[in-house]
């Protein structure tokens, strides 16, 4: 499943925001109005984050639950995994990403691309350098 990282410009910024939310809320979750139709099969899969029109990272989906106000909470692993950058247009709502179409995880340390702007990663990917 893909999700736009709203007002996020880099992998490191997303990582810090998710870390702060996990600490403040006692766990990491994403709140949404509607439960995804394929939620049962998505547990153990990933939520892929889109930054600057590129899939840049993923968070493992640990489960789903309903909040007291009727919204759906998508429980996420606090570990943010960088993936090979892949172009993805902006969208509203949920988009499912089939396993065969999902970008591969990047090898090495998360910090290897943490300071690179998303646009730079996109350009390096176009040049087949990433």
C-alpha atoms as a PDB file:
ATOM      1  CA  UNK A   1       0.000   0.000   0.000  1.00  0.00           C
ATOM      2  CA  UNK A   2       1.302   3.492  -0.744  1.00  0.00           C
ATOM      3  CA  UNK A   3       0.914   6.707   1.246  1.00  0.00           C
ATOM      4  CA  UNK A   4       2.097  10.238   0.529  1.00  0.00           C
ATOM      5  CA  UNK A   5       4.376  11.644   3.244  1.00  0.00           C
ATOM      6  CA  UNK A   6       2.650  15.025   3.370  1.00  0.00           C
ATOM      7  CA  UNK A   7       4.985  18.033   3.724  1.00  0.00           C
ATOM      8  CA  UNK A   8       8.060  15.796   3.983  1.00  0.00           C
ATOM      9  CA  UNK A   9      11.084  16.512   1.781  1.00  0.00           C
ATOM     10  CA  UNK A  10      13.576  13.773   2.699  1.00  0.00           C
ATOM     11  CA  UNK A  11      14.008  10.312   4.150  1.00  0.00           C
ATOM     12  CA  UNK A  12      15.641  11.734   7.296  1.00  0.00           C
ATOM     13  CA  UNK A  13      12.755  14.161   7.845  1.00  0.00           C
ATOM     14  CA  UNK A  14      10.213  11.321   7.568  1.00  0.00           C
ATOM     15  CA  UNK A  15      12.263   9.155   9.931  1.00  0.00           C
ATOM     16  CA  UNK A  16      12.412  11.934  12.530  1.00  0.00           C
ATOM     17  CA  UNK A  17       8.703  12.703  12.272  1.00  0.00           C
ATOM     18  CA  UNK A  18       7.759   9.044  12.677  1.00  0.00           C
ATOM     19  CA  UNK A  19      10.181   8.653  15.599  1.00  0.00           C
ATOM     20  CA  UNK A  20       8.691  11.699  17.359  1.00  0.00           C
ATOM     21  CA  UNK A  21       5.129  10.467  16.811  1.00  0.00           C
ATOM     22  CA  UNK A  22       5.980   7.000  18.131  1.00  0.00           C
ATOM     23  CA  UNK A  23       7.488   8.485  21.297  1.00  0.00           C
ATOM     24  CA  UNK A  24       4.649  10.947  21.857  1.00  0.00           C
ATOM     25  CA  UNK A  25       1.855   8.453  21.214  1.00  0.00           C
ATOM     26  CA  UNK A  26       3.385   5.317  22.735  1.00  0.00           C
ATOM     27  CA  UNK A  27       3.535   3.555  19.386  1.00  0.00           C
ATOM     28  CA  UNK A  28       3.393   4.324  15.713  1.00  0.00           C
ATOM     29  CA  UNK A  29       0.139   4.323  13.827  1.00  0.00           C
ATOM     30  CA  UNK A  30      -1.506   6.109  10.939  1.00  0.00           C
ATOM     31  CA  UNK A  31      -5.102   7.218  11.387  1.00  0.00           C
ATOM     32  CA  UNK A  32      -7.478   7.024   8.441  1.00  0.00           C
ATOM     33  CA  UNK A  33     -11.197   7.518   7.991  1.00  0.00           C
ATOM     34  CA  UNK A  34     -11.789   4.295   6.089  1.00  0.00           C
ATOM     35  CA  UNK A  35     -10.334   0.856   6.699  1.00  0.00           C
ATOM     36  CA  UNK A  36      -8.624  -0.425   3.523  1.00  0.00           C
ATOM     37  CA  UNK A  37     -10.728  -3.175   1.944  1.00  0.00           C
ATOM     38  CA  UNK A  38      -7.766  -5.555   1.759  1.00  0.00           C
ATOM     39  CA  UNK A  39      -6.622  -4.903   5.357  1.00  0.00           C
ATOM     40  CA  UNK A  40      -6.514  -8.565   6.429  1.00  0.00           C
ATOM     41  CA  UNK A  41      -4.019  -9.562   3.750  1.00  0.00           C
ATOM     42  CA  UNK A  42      -1.865  -6.490   4.419  1.00  0.00           C
ATOM     43  CA  UNK A  43      -0.802  -7.400   7.967  1.00  0.00           C
ATOM     44  CA  UNK A  44       2.905  -8.287   7.713  1.00  0.00           C
ATOM     45  CA  UNK A  45       3.189  -6.310   4.472  1.00  0.00           C
ATOM     46  CA  UNK A  46       4.395  -2.739   4.119  1.00  0.00           C
ATOM     47  CA  UNK A  47       3.168   0.809   3.834  1.00  0.00           C
ATOM     48  CA  UNK A  48       5.374   2.481   1.191  1.00  0.00           C
ATOM     49  CA  UNK A  49       6.013   6.186   1.734  1.00  0.00           C
ATOM     50  CA  UNK A  50       6.032   8.601  -1.226  1.00  0.00           C
ATOM     51  CA  UNK A  51       8.322  11.628  -0.869  1.00  0.00           C
ATOM     52  CA  UNK A  52       8.510  14.187  -3.704  1.00  0.00           C
ATOM     53  CA  UNK A  53       6.773  11.865  -6.205  1.00  0.00           C
ATOM     54  CA  UNK A  54       9.072   8.923  -5.420  1.00  0.00           C
ATOM     55  CA  UNK A  55       8.597   5.833  -3.266  1.00  0.00           C
ATOM     56  CA  UNK A  56      11.503   6.199  -0.837  1.00  0.00           C
ATOM     57  CA  UNK A  57      10.815   4.088   2.262  1.00  0.00           C
ATOM     58  CA  UNK A  58       8.537   1.540   3.842  1.00  0.00           C
ATOM     59  CA  UNK A  59       7.126   0.725   7.263  1.00  0.00           C
ATOM     60  CA  UNK A  60       5.935  -2.765   8.164  1.00  0.00           C
ATOM     61  CA  UNK A  61       2.198  -3.013   8.857  1.00  0.00           C
ATOM     62  CA  UNK A  62       1.685  -4.717  12.219  1.00  0.00           C
ATOM     63  CA  UNK A  63      -2.105  -4.642  12.302  1.00  0.00           C
ATOM     64  CA  UNK A  64      -5.307  -2.628  12.242  1.00  0.00           C
ATOM     65  CA  UNK A  65      -7.678  -1.511  14.968  1.00  0.00           C
ATOM     66  CA  UNK A  66     -10.557   0.888  15.413  1.00  0.00           C
ATOM     67  CA  UNK A  67     -10.106   4.044  17.467  1.00  0.00           C
ATOM     68  CA  UNK A  68     -12.795   5.251  19.915  1.00  0.00           C
ATOM     69  CA  UNK A  69     -13.932   7.885  17.382  1.00  0.00           C
ATOM     70  CA  UNK A  70     -14.541   5.237  14.688  1.00  0.00           C
ATOM     71  CA  UNK A  71     -11.412   5.881  12.618  1.00  0.00           C
ATOM     72  CA  UNK A  72      -9.091   3.054  11.618  1.00  0.00           C
ATOM     73  CA  UNK A  73      -5.582   2.938  13.056  1.00  0.00           C
ATOM     74  CA  UNK A  74      -2.904   1.250  10.962  1.00  0.00           C
ATOM     75  CA  UNK A  75      -0.279   0.033  13.421  1.00  0.00           C
ATOM     76  CA  UNK A  76       3.242   0.424  12.008  1.00  0.00           C
ATOM     77  CA  UNK A  77       6.693  -0.774  12.962  1.00  0.00           C
ATOM     78  CA  UNK A  78       8.842   2.116  14.219  1.00  0.00           C
ATOM     79  CA  UNK A  79      11.668   1.000  11.886  1.00  0.00           C
ATOM     80  CA  UNK A  80      11.696   2.935   8.615  1.00  0.00           C
ATOM     81  CA  UNK A  81      13.360   0.954   5.815  1.00  0.00           C
ATOM     82  CA  UNK A  82      14.847   2.824   2.825  1.00  0.00           C
ATOM     83  CA  UNK A  83      13.983   1.317  -0.555  1.00  0.00           C
ATOM     84  CA  UNK A  84      15.296   1.756  -4.075  1.00  0.00           C
ATOM     85  CA  UNK A  85      13.685   4.968  -5.275  1.00  0.00           C
ATOM     86  CA  UNK A  86      10.819   4.495  -7.697  1.00  0.00           C
ATOM     87  CA  UNK A  87       8.717   7.189  -9.397  1.00  0.00           C
ATOM     88  CA  UNK A  88       5.122   7.395  -8.178  1.00  0.00           C
ATOM     89  CA  UNK A  89       2.545  10.063  -8.980  1.00  0.00           C
ATOM     90  CA  UNK A  90       0.603  11.736  -6.209  1.00  0.00           C
ATOM     91  CA  UNK A  91      -2.805  10.239  -5.435  1.00  0.00           C
ATOM     92  CA  UNK A  92      -5.636  10.408  -2.950  1.00  0.00           C
ATOM     93  CA  UNK A  93      -6.816   7.436  -0.957  1.00  0.00           C
ATOM     94  CA  UNK A  94      -5.128   4.069  -0.766  1.00  0.00           C
ATOM     95  CA  UNK A  95      -3.270   2.476  -3.642  1.00  0.00           C
ATOM     96  CA  UNK A  96      -2.253  -1.131  -3.370  1.00  0.00           C
ATOM     97  CA  UNK A  97       1.223  -2.115  -4.490  1.00  0.00           C
ATOM     98  CA  UNK A  98       1.577  -5.696  -5.642  1.00  0.00           C
ATOM     99  CA  UNK A  99       4.640  -7.490  -4.287  1.00  0.00           C
ATOM    100  CA  UNK A 100       6.126  -7.840  -7.770  1.00  0.00           C
ATOM    101  CA  UNK A 101       5.920  -4.051  -8.253  1.00  0.00           C
ATOM    102  CA  UNK A 102       7.324  -3.075  -4.844  1.00  0.00           C
ATOM    103  CA  UNK A 103      10.800  -1.533  -4.803  1.00  0.00           C
ATOM    104  CA  UNK A 104      13.595  -3.543  -3.199  1.00  0.00           C
ATOM    105  CA  UNK A 105      15.107  -2.535   0.116  1.00  0.00           C
ATOM    106  CA  UNK A 106      18.384  -0.635  -0.079  1.00  0.00           C
ATOM    107  CA  UNK A 107      21.407  -2.509   1.164  1.00  0.00           C
ATOM    108  CA  UNK A 108      23.468  -1.030   3.968  1.00  0.00           C
ATOM    109  CA  UNK A 109      22.727   1.475   6.675  1.00  0.00           C
ATOM    110  CA  UNK A 110      19.624   3.650   6.732  1.00  0.00           C
ATOM    111  CA  UNK A 111      21.895   6.691   7.056  1.00  0.00           C
ATOM    112  CA  UNK A 112      23.409   6.084   3.621  1.00  0.00           C
ATOM    113  CA  UNK A 113      20.637   8.137   2.029  1.00  0.00           C
ATOM    114  CA  UNK A 114      19.209   9.958   5.040  1.00  0.00           C
ATOM    115  CA  UNK A 115      20.750  13.306   4.152  1.00  0.00           C
ATOM    116  CA  UNK A 116      20.082  13.188   0.400  1.00  0.00           C
ATOM    117  CA  UNK A 117      17.160  15.263  -0.869  1.00  0.00           C
ATOM    118  CA  UNK A 118      14.458  13.251  -2.632  1.00  0.00           C
ATOM    119  CA  UNK A 119      15.060  15.104  -5.924  1.00  0.00           C
ATOM    120  CA  UNK A 120      18.754  14.155  -5.851  1.00  0.00           C
ATOM    121  CA  UNK A 121      17.864  10.513  -5.278  1.00  0.00           C
ATOM    122  CA  UNK A 122      15.474  10.711  -8.213  1.00  0.00           C
ATOM    123  CA  UNK A 123      18.184  12.107 -10.485  1.00  0.00           C
ATOM    124  CA  UNK A 124      20.722   9.499  -9.356  1.00  0.00           C
ATOM    125  CA  UNK A 125      18.151   6.781 -10.009  1.00  0.00           C
ATOM    126  CA  UNK A 126      17.521   8.096 -13.545  1.00  0.00           C
ATOM    127  CA  UNK A 127      21.267   7.893 -14.161  1.00  0.00           C
ATOM    128  CA  UNK A 128      21.265   4.301 -12.816  1.00  0.00           C
ATOM    129  CA  UNK A 129      23.622   5.289 -10.009  1.00  0.00           C
ATOM    130  CA  UNK A 130      21.217   4.138  -7.288  1.00  0.00           C
END
